[in-house]
Amino acid sequence: MCKIRETFSKRFATSRITIEETDIFIGNKKEIPAKEWKLKFIIDRDERGIFLEYYGTSIRDVHVHVRIYDNGNEEILDILKEYVAYHPNIPGDFERAVSEFKIHNQRILDSLREKQLI
């Protein structure tokens, strides 16, 4: 029995966001209209089984990127970083942090665009 719908619905229960069982088919890509969230998901398959992967941002600037497998297991995935963290007392640390920030966010953006999650 597929537990994707149940797991997704539990995660967004307070916002009353859910998906339909009929939405769970490989190749489906959808945006969920919601008041507090902007959510997009895809349904795909890998060596672990069928999964729903979604990326969302809330009105409180919270980012979530999760993959839910058909057995209900969740895998938390990387999100876009929103700020640069560095040690101001270490020479060159700002430049290092900015470089890592840009590389990380570009990698995530490329992946999300490829999957059509943004």
N, C-alpha and C. Protein backbone atom coordinates (compact mmCIF):
# COMPACT_ATOMS: atom_id res chain seq x y z
N MET A 1 0.83 -1.19 0.00
CA MET A 1 0.00 0.00 0.00
C MET A 1 0.88 1.25 0.00
N CYS A 2 0.57 2.19 -0.84
CA CYS A 2 1.34 3.43 -0.96
C CYS A 2 0.99 4.37 0.19
N LYS A 3 2.03 4.86 0.87
CA LYS A 3 1.82 5.76 2.02
C LYS A 3 2.23 7.20 1.72
N ILE A 4 2.46 7.52 0.45
CA ILE A 4 2.89 8.87 0.10
C ILE A 4 1.85 9.90 0.52
N ARG A 5 0.61 9.68 0.15
CA ARG A 5 -0.46 10.64 0.45
C ARG A 5 -0.60 10.86 1.95
N GLU A 6 -0.61 9.78 2.70
CA GLU A 6 -0.76 9.85 4.16
C GLU A 6 0.38 10.65 4.80
N THR A 7 1.61 10.36 4.40
CA THR A 7 2.78 11.04 4.97
C THR A 7 2.78 12.52 4.61
N PHE A 8 2.50 12.82 3.34
CA PHE A 8 2.44 14.22 2.90
C PHE A 8 1.36 14.97 3.67
N SER A 9 0.18 14.40 3.77
CA SER A 9 -0.95 15.06 4.44
C SER A 9 -0.66 15.32 5.91
N LYS A 10 0.03 14.39 6.57
CA LYS A 10 0.39 14.60 7.98
C LYS A 10 1.34 15.78 8.14
N ARG A 11 2.30 15.89 7.22
CA ARG A 11 3.28 16.98 7.31
C ARG A 11 2.60 18.34 7.19
N PHE A 12 1.55 18.44 6.39
CA PHE A 12 0.89 19.72 6.16
C PHE A 12 -0.51 19.78 6.78
N ALA A 13 -0.75 18.98 7.80
CA ALA A 13 -2.07 18.90 8.42
C ALA A 13 -2.54 20.25 8.97
N THR A 14 -1.64 21.00 9.60
CA THR A 14 -2.06 22.29 10.18
C THR A 14 -2.44 23.30 9.11
N SER A 15 -1.92 23.14 7.91
CA SER A 15 -2.27 24.03 6.80
C SER A 15 -3.39 23.46 5.93
N ARG A 16 -3.83 22.25 6.29
CA ARG A 16 -4.90 21.55 5.55
C ARG A 16 -4.56 21.36 4.07
N ILE A 17 -3.29 21.03 3.82
CA ILE A 17 -2.85 20.77 2.45
C ILE A 17 -2.72 19.26 2.29
N THR A 18 -3.27 18.76 1.23
CA THR A 18 -3.20 17.33 0.95
C THR A 18 -3.10 17.10 -0.55
N ILE A 19 -2.85 15.88 -0.92
CA ILE A 19 -2.88 15.49 -2.33
C ILE A 19 -3.87 14.34 -2.45
N GLU A 20 -4.31 14.10 -3.65
CA GLU A 20 -5.24 13.01 -3.90
C GLU A 20 -4.47 11.76 -4.31
N GLU A 21 -5.05 10.63 -4.05
CA GLU A 21 -4.43 9.36 -4.46
C GLU A 21 -4.26 9.32 -5.98
N THR A 22 -5.18 9.98 -6.70
CA THR A 22 -5.10 10.00 -8.17
C THR A 22 -3.94 10.86 -8.67
N ASP A 23 -3.33 11.68 -7.80
CA ASP A 23 -2.16 12.48 -8.16
C ASP A 23 -0.87 11.67 -8.18
N ILE A 24 -0.92 10.47 -7.61
CA ILE A 24 0.30 9.69 -7.43
C ILE A 24 0.48 8.74 -8.62
N PHE A 25 1.10 9.29 -9.67
CA PHE A 25 1.49 8.49 -10.82
C PHE A 25 2.78 9.06 -11.37
N ILE A 26 3.66 8.18 -11.82
CA ILE A 26 4.98 8.58 -12.30
C ILE A 26 4.83 9.56 -13.45
N GLY A 27 5.57 10.65 -13.33
CA GLY A 27 5.54 11.70 -14.35
C GLY A 27 4.67 12.89 -13.98
N ASN A 28 3.86 12.75 -12.94
CA ASN A 28 3.00 13.86 -12.54
C ASN A 28 3.85 14.99 -11.95
N LYS A 29 3.56 16.20 -12.37
CA LYS A 29 4.20 17.41 -11.84
C LYS A 29 3.08 18.39 -11.57
N LYS A 30 3.08 18.94 -10.37
CA LYS A 30 1.94 19.75 -10.00
C LYS A 30 2.33 20.83 -9.00
N GLU A 31 1.63 21.94 -9.08
CA GLU A 31 1.74 22.99 -8.06
C GLU A 31 0.48 22.94 -7.23
N ILE A 32 0.65 23.04 -5.93
CA ILE A 32 -0.49 22.99 -5.03
C ILE A 32 -0.82 24.42 -4.57
N PRO A 33 -1.99 24.91 -4.93
CA PRO A 33 -2.36 26.24 -4.46
C PRO A 33 -2.70 26.19 -2.97
N ALA A 34 -2.04 27.03 -2.22
CA ALA A 34 -2.27 27.07 -0.77
C ALA A 34 -2.03 28.49 -0.28
N LYS A 35 -2.70 28.85 0.78
CA LYS A 35 -2.60 30.21 1.31
C LYS A 35 -1.24 30.50 1.93
N GLU A 36 -0.74 29.56 2.74
CA GLU A 36 0.51 29.80 3.47
C GLU A 36 1.75 29.27 2.76
N TRP A 37 1.59 28.46 1.74
CA TRP A 37 2.72 27.79 1.10
C TRP A 37 2.68 27.92 -0.41
N LYS A 38 3.86 27.90 -1.00
CA LYS A 38 3.99 27.69 -2.44
C LYS A 38 4.69 26.35 -2.57
N LEU A 39 3.97 25.35 -3.07
CA LEU A 39 4.48 23.98 -3.14
C LEU A 39 4.39 23.44 -4.56
N LYS A 40 5.45 22.80 -4.99
CA LYS A 40 5.44 22.06 -6.25
C LYS A 40 5.96 20.67 -5.96
N PHE A 41 5.38 19.68 -6.66
CA PHE A 41 5.86 18.32 -6.47
C PHE A 41 5.95 17.58 -7.80
N ILE A 42 6.74 16.53 -7.75
CA ILE A 42 6.85 15.59 -8.87
C ILE A 42 6.72 14.18 -8.31
N ILE A 43 6.28 13.28 -9.16
CA ILE A 43 6.26 11.86 -8.81
C ILE A 43 7.23 11.16 -9.75
N ASP A 44 8.13 10.37 -9.17
CA ASP A 44 9.14 9.68 -9.97
C ASP A 44 9.49 8.36 -9.30
N ARG A 45 10.49 7.70 -9.82
CA ARG A 45 10.93 6.41 -9.28
C ARG A 45 12.45 6.35 -9.32
N ASP A 46 13.03 5.73 -8.31
CA ASP A 46 14.46 5.41 -8.32
C ASP A 46 14.64 4.00 -7.79
N GLU A 47 15.87 3.64 -7.44
CA GLU A 47 16.14 2.28 -6.97
C GLU A 47 15.42 1.94 -5.67
N ARG A 48 14.96 2.94 -4.94
CA ARG A 48 14.25 2.70 -3.68
C ARG A 48 12.73 2.64 -3.86
N GLY A 49 12.26 2.97 -5.04
CA GLY A 49 10.82 2.88 -5.30
C GLY A 49 10.23 4.19 -5.81
N ILE A 50 8.91 4.24 -5.83
CA ILE A 50 8.18 5.43 -6.26
C ILE A 50 8.27 6.47 -5.15
N PHE A 51 8.42 7.74 -5.56
CA PHE A 51 8.49 8.81 -4.56
C PHE A 51 7.80 10.07 -5.06
N LEU A 52 7.39 10.87 -4.10
CA LEU A 52 6.93 12.23 -4.33
C LEU A 52 8.03 13.13 -3.79
N GLU A 53 8.52 14.04 -4.62
CA GLU A 53 9.52 15.00 -4.17
C GLU A 53 8.90 16.38 -4.29
N TYR A 54 9.01 17.16 -3.22
CA TYR A 54 8.44 18.50 -3.27
C TYR A 54 9.41 19.54 -2.73
N TYR A 55 9.23 20.76 -3.23
CA TYR A 55 9.96 21.92 -2.71
C TYR A 55 8.91 22.96 -2.40
N GLY A 56 9.03 23.55 -1.23
CA GLY A 56 8.05 24.54 -0.84
C GLY A 56 8.66 25.68 -0.06
N THR A 57 8.01 26.82 -0.17
CA THR A 57 8.37 27.99 0.63
C THR A 57 7.09 28.50 1.29
N SER A 58 7.23 28.88 2.55
CA SER A 58 6.06 29.38 3.28
C SER A 58 6.09 30.90 3.32
N ILE A 59 4.99 31.47 3.77
CA ILE A 59 4.92 32.92 3.91
C ILE A 59 5.86 33.41 5.01
N ARG A 60 6.37 32.50 5.83
CA ARG A 60 7.33 32.83 6.89
C ARG A 60 8.77 32.60 6.44
N ASP A 61 8.99 32.46 5.12
CA ASP A 61 10.31 32.23 4.54
C ASP A 61 10.94 30.91 4.98
N VAL A 62 10.14 29.93 5.25
CA VAL A 62 10.64 28.59 5.55
C VAL A 62 10.72 27.82 4.24
N HIS A 63 11.84 27.17 4.00
CA HIS A 63 12.02 26.33 2.82
C HIS A 63 12.01 24.86 3.24
N VAL A 64 11.34 24.02 2.45
CA VAL A 64 11.35 22.58 2.69
C VAL A 64 11.59 21.88 1.36
N HIS A 65 12.36 20.82 1.41
CA HIS A 65 12.64 20.00 0.22
C HIS A 65 12.71 18.57 0.71
N VAL A 66 11.70 17.79 0.35
CA VAL A 66 11.56 16.45 0.92
C VAL A 66 11.17 15.48 -0.18
N ARG A 67 11.63 14.25 -0.01
CA ARG A 67 11.24 13.15 -0.87
C ARG A 67 10.52 12.13 0.02
N ILE A 68 9.31 11.74 -0.38
CA ILE A 68 8.52 10.75 0.36
C ILE A 68 8.38 9.51 -0.52
N TYR A 69 8.85 8.38 0.00
CA TYR A 69 8.76 7.12 -0.74
C TYR A 69 7.44 6.43 -0.48
N ASP A 70 7.10 5.48 -1.34
CA ASP A 70 5.80 4.80 -1.25
C ASP A 70 5.60 4.03 0.05
N ASN A 71 6.69 3.75 0.79
CA ASN A 71 6.55 3.10 2.09
C ASN A 71 6.38 4.11 3.23
N GLY A 72 6.35 5.42 2.90
CA GLY A 72 6.15 6.47 3.89
C GLY A 72 7.43 7.09 4.41
N ASN A 73 8.59 6.50 4.09
CA ASN A 73 9.86 7.06 4.55
C ASN A 73 10.12 8.41 3.88
N GLU A 74 10.64 9.33 4.67
CA GLU A 74 10.96 10.66 4.17
C GLU A 74 12.47 10.86 4.13
N GLU A 75 12.92 11.54 3.10
CA GLU A 75 14.32 11.93 2.97
C GLU A 75 14.36 13.44 2.85
N ILE A 76 15.00 14.10 3.82
CA ILE A 76 15.13 15.55 3.81
C ILE A 76 16.26 15.91 2.85
N LEU A 77 15.98 16.78 1.89
CA LEU A 77 16.95 17.16 0.87
C LEU A 77 17.43 18.59 1.08
N ASP A 78 18.49 18.96 0.39
CA ASP A 78 19.07 20.30 0.53
C ASP A 78 18.10 21.38 0.07
N ILE A 79 18.18 22.52 0.75
CA ILE A 79 17.39 23.69 0.39
C ILE A 79 18.34 24.83 0.03
N LEU A 80 17.77 25.87 -0.55
CA LEU A 80 18.56 27.07 -0.83
C LEU A 80 18.97 27.74 0.47
N LYS A 81 20.22 28.16 0.52
CA LYS A 81 20.68 28.92 1.69
C LYS A 81 20.23 30.36 1.52
N GLU A 82 19.92 31.00 2.63
CA GLU A 82 19.40 32.36 2.59
C GLU A 82 20.41 33.40 3.06
N TYR A 83 21.49 32.97 3.66
CA TYR A 83 22.48 33.92 4.15
C TYR A 83 23.86 33.30 4.15
N VAL A 84 24.85 34.15 4.24
CA VAL A 84 26.25 33.73 4.27
C VAL A 84 26.73 33.77 5.72
N ALA A 85 27.24 32.65 6.21
CA ALA A 85 27.77 32.59 7.57
C ALA A 85 29.29 32.50 7.48
N TYR A 86 29.95 33.37 8.23
CA TYR A 86 31.42 33.39 8.20
C TYR A 86 31.94 33.93 9.53
N HIS A 87 33.25 33.74 9.74
CA HIS A 87 33.91 34.24 10.94
C HIS A 87 34.61 35.55 10.58
N PRO A 88 34.14 36.68 11.09
CA PRO A 88 34.73 37.97 10.71
C PRO A 88 36.18 38.14 11.17
N ASN A 89 36.61 37.37 12.15
CA ASN A 89 37.98 37.49 12.66
C ASN A 89 38.98 36.62 11.92
N ILE A 90 38.50 35.84 10.96
CA ILE A 90 39.40 34.99 10.18
C ILE A 90 39.58 35.62 8.80
N PRO A 91 40.79 36.05 8.49
CA PRO A 91 41.04 36.67 7.18
C PRO A 91 40.65 35.74 6.02
N GLY A 92 39.90 36.28 5.08
CA GLY A 92 39.49 35.51 3.90
C GLY A 92 38.27 34.63 4.09
N ASP A 93 37.75 34.56 5.32
CA ASP A 93 36.63 33.67 5.57
C ASP A 93 35.35 34.15 4.88
N PHE A 94 35.17 35.45 4.77
CA PHE A 94 33.99 35.98 4.08
C PHE A 94 34.00 35.54 2.62
N GLU A 95 35.14 35.69 1.97
CA GLU A 95 35.25 35.30 0.56
C GLU A 95 35.00 33.80 0.38
N ARG A 96 35.55 32.99 1.28
CA ARG A 96 35.33 31.55 1.24
C ARG A 96 33.85 31.24 1.39
N ALA A 97 33.21 31.87 2.37
CA ALA A 97 31.80 31.61 2.65
C ALA A 97 30.91 32.04 1.48
N VAL A 98 31.22 33.18 0.87
CA VAL A 98 30.44 33.65 -0.28
C VAL A 98 30.58 32.67 -1.44
N SER A 99 31.78 32.20 -1.68
CA SER A 99 32.02 31.25 -2.76
C SER A 99 31.23 29.95 -2.52
N GLU A 100 31.29 29.42 -1.30
CA GLU A 100 30.56 28.20 -0.97
C GLU A 100 29.05 28.41 -1.07
N PHE A 101 28.58 29.58 -0.64
CA PHE A 101 27.16 29.94 -0.72
C PHE A 101 26.69 29.91 -2.18
N LYS A 102 27.45 30.55 -3.05
CA LYS A 102 27.08 30.61 -4.47
C LYS A 102 27.09 29.23 -5.12
N ILE A 103 28.11 28.45 -4.83
CA ILE A 103 28.21 27.10 -5.40
C ILE A 103 27.04 26.23 -4.93
N HIS A 104 26.76 26.27 -3.64
CA HIS A 104 25.66 25.48 -3.07
C HIS A 104 24.33 25.87 -3.71
N ASN A 105 24.02 27.17 -3.70
CA ASN A 105 22.74 27.61 -4.23
C ASN A 105 22.60 27.36 -5.72
N GLN A 106 23.68 27.49 -6.47
CA GLN A 106 23.60 27.22 -7.91
C GLN A 106 23.31 25.74 -8.16
N ARG A 107 23.94 24.87 -7.37
CA ARG A 107 23.70 23.43 -7.50
C ARG A 107 22.24 23.10 -7.20
N ILE A 108 21.72 23.67 -6.13
CA ILE A 108 20.33 23.41 -5.75
C ILE A 108 19.37 24.00 -6.79
N LEU A 109 19.62 25.23 -7.23
CA LEU A 109 18.78 25.85 -8.26
C LEU A 109 18.75 25.02 -9.54
N ASP A 110 19.92 24.57 -9.99
CA ASP A 110 19.99 23.76 -11.21
C ASP A 110 19.16 22.49 -11.06
N SER A 111 19.27 21.84 -9.93
CA SER A 111 18.53 20.60 -9.68
C SER A 111 17.03 20.85 -9.64
N LEU A 112 16.62 21.90 -8.92
CA LEU A 112 15.20 22.22 -8.81
C LEU A 112 14.60 22.61 -10.15
N ARG A 113 15.35 23.37 -10.94
CA ARG A 113 14.87 23.75 -12.28
C ARG A 113 14.74 22.52 -13.18
N GLU A 114 15.74 21.65 -13.14
CA GLU A 114 15.70 20.44 -13.95
C GLU A 114 14.47 19.59 -13.63
N LYS A 115 14.12 19.52 -12.35
CA LYS A 115 12.96 18.75 -11.92
C LYS A 115 11.65 19.54 -12.03
N GLN A 116 11.76 20.81 -12.40
CA GLN A 116 10.62 21.72 -12.52
C GLN A 116 9.91 21.92 -11.17
N LEU A 117 10.73 22.01 -10.11
CA LEU A 117 10.18 22.25 -8.78
C LEU A 117 10.20 23.73 -8.39
N ILE A 118 10.81 24.56 -9.26
CA ILE A 118 10.73 26.01 -9.07
C ILE A 118 10.41 26.65 -10.40
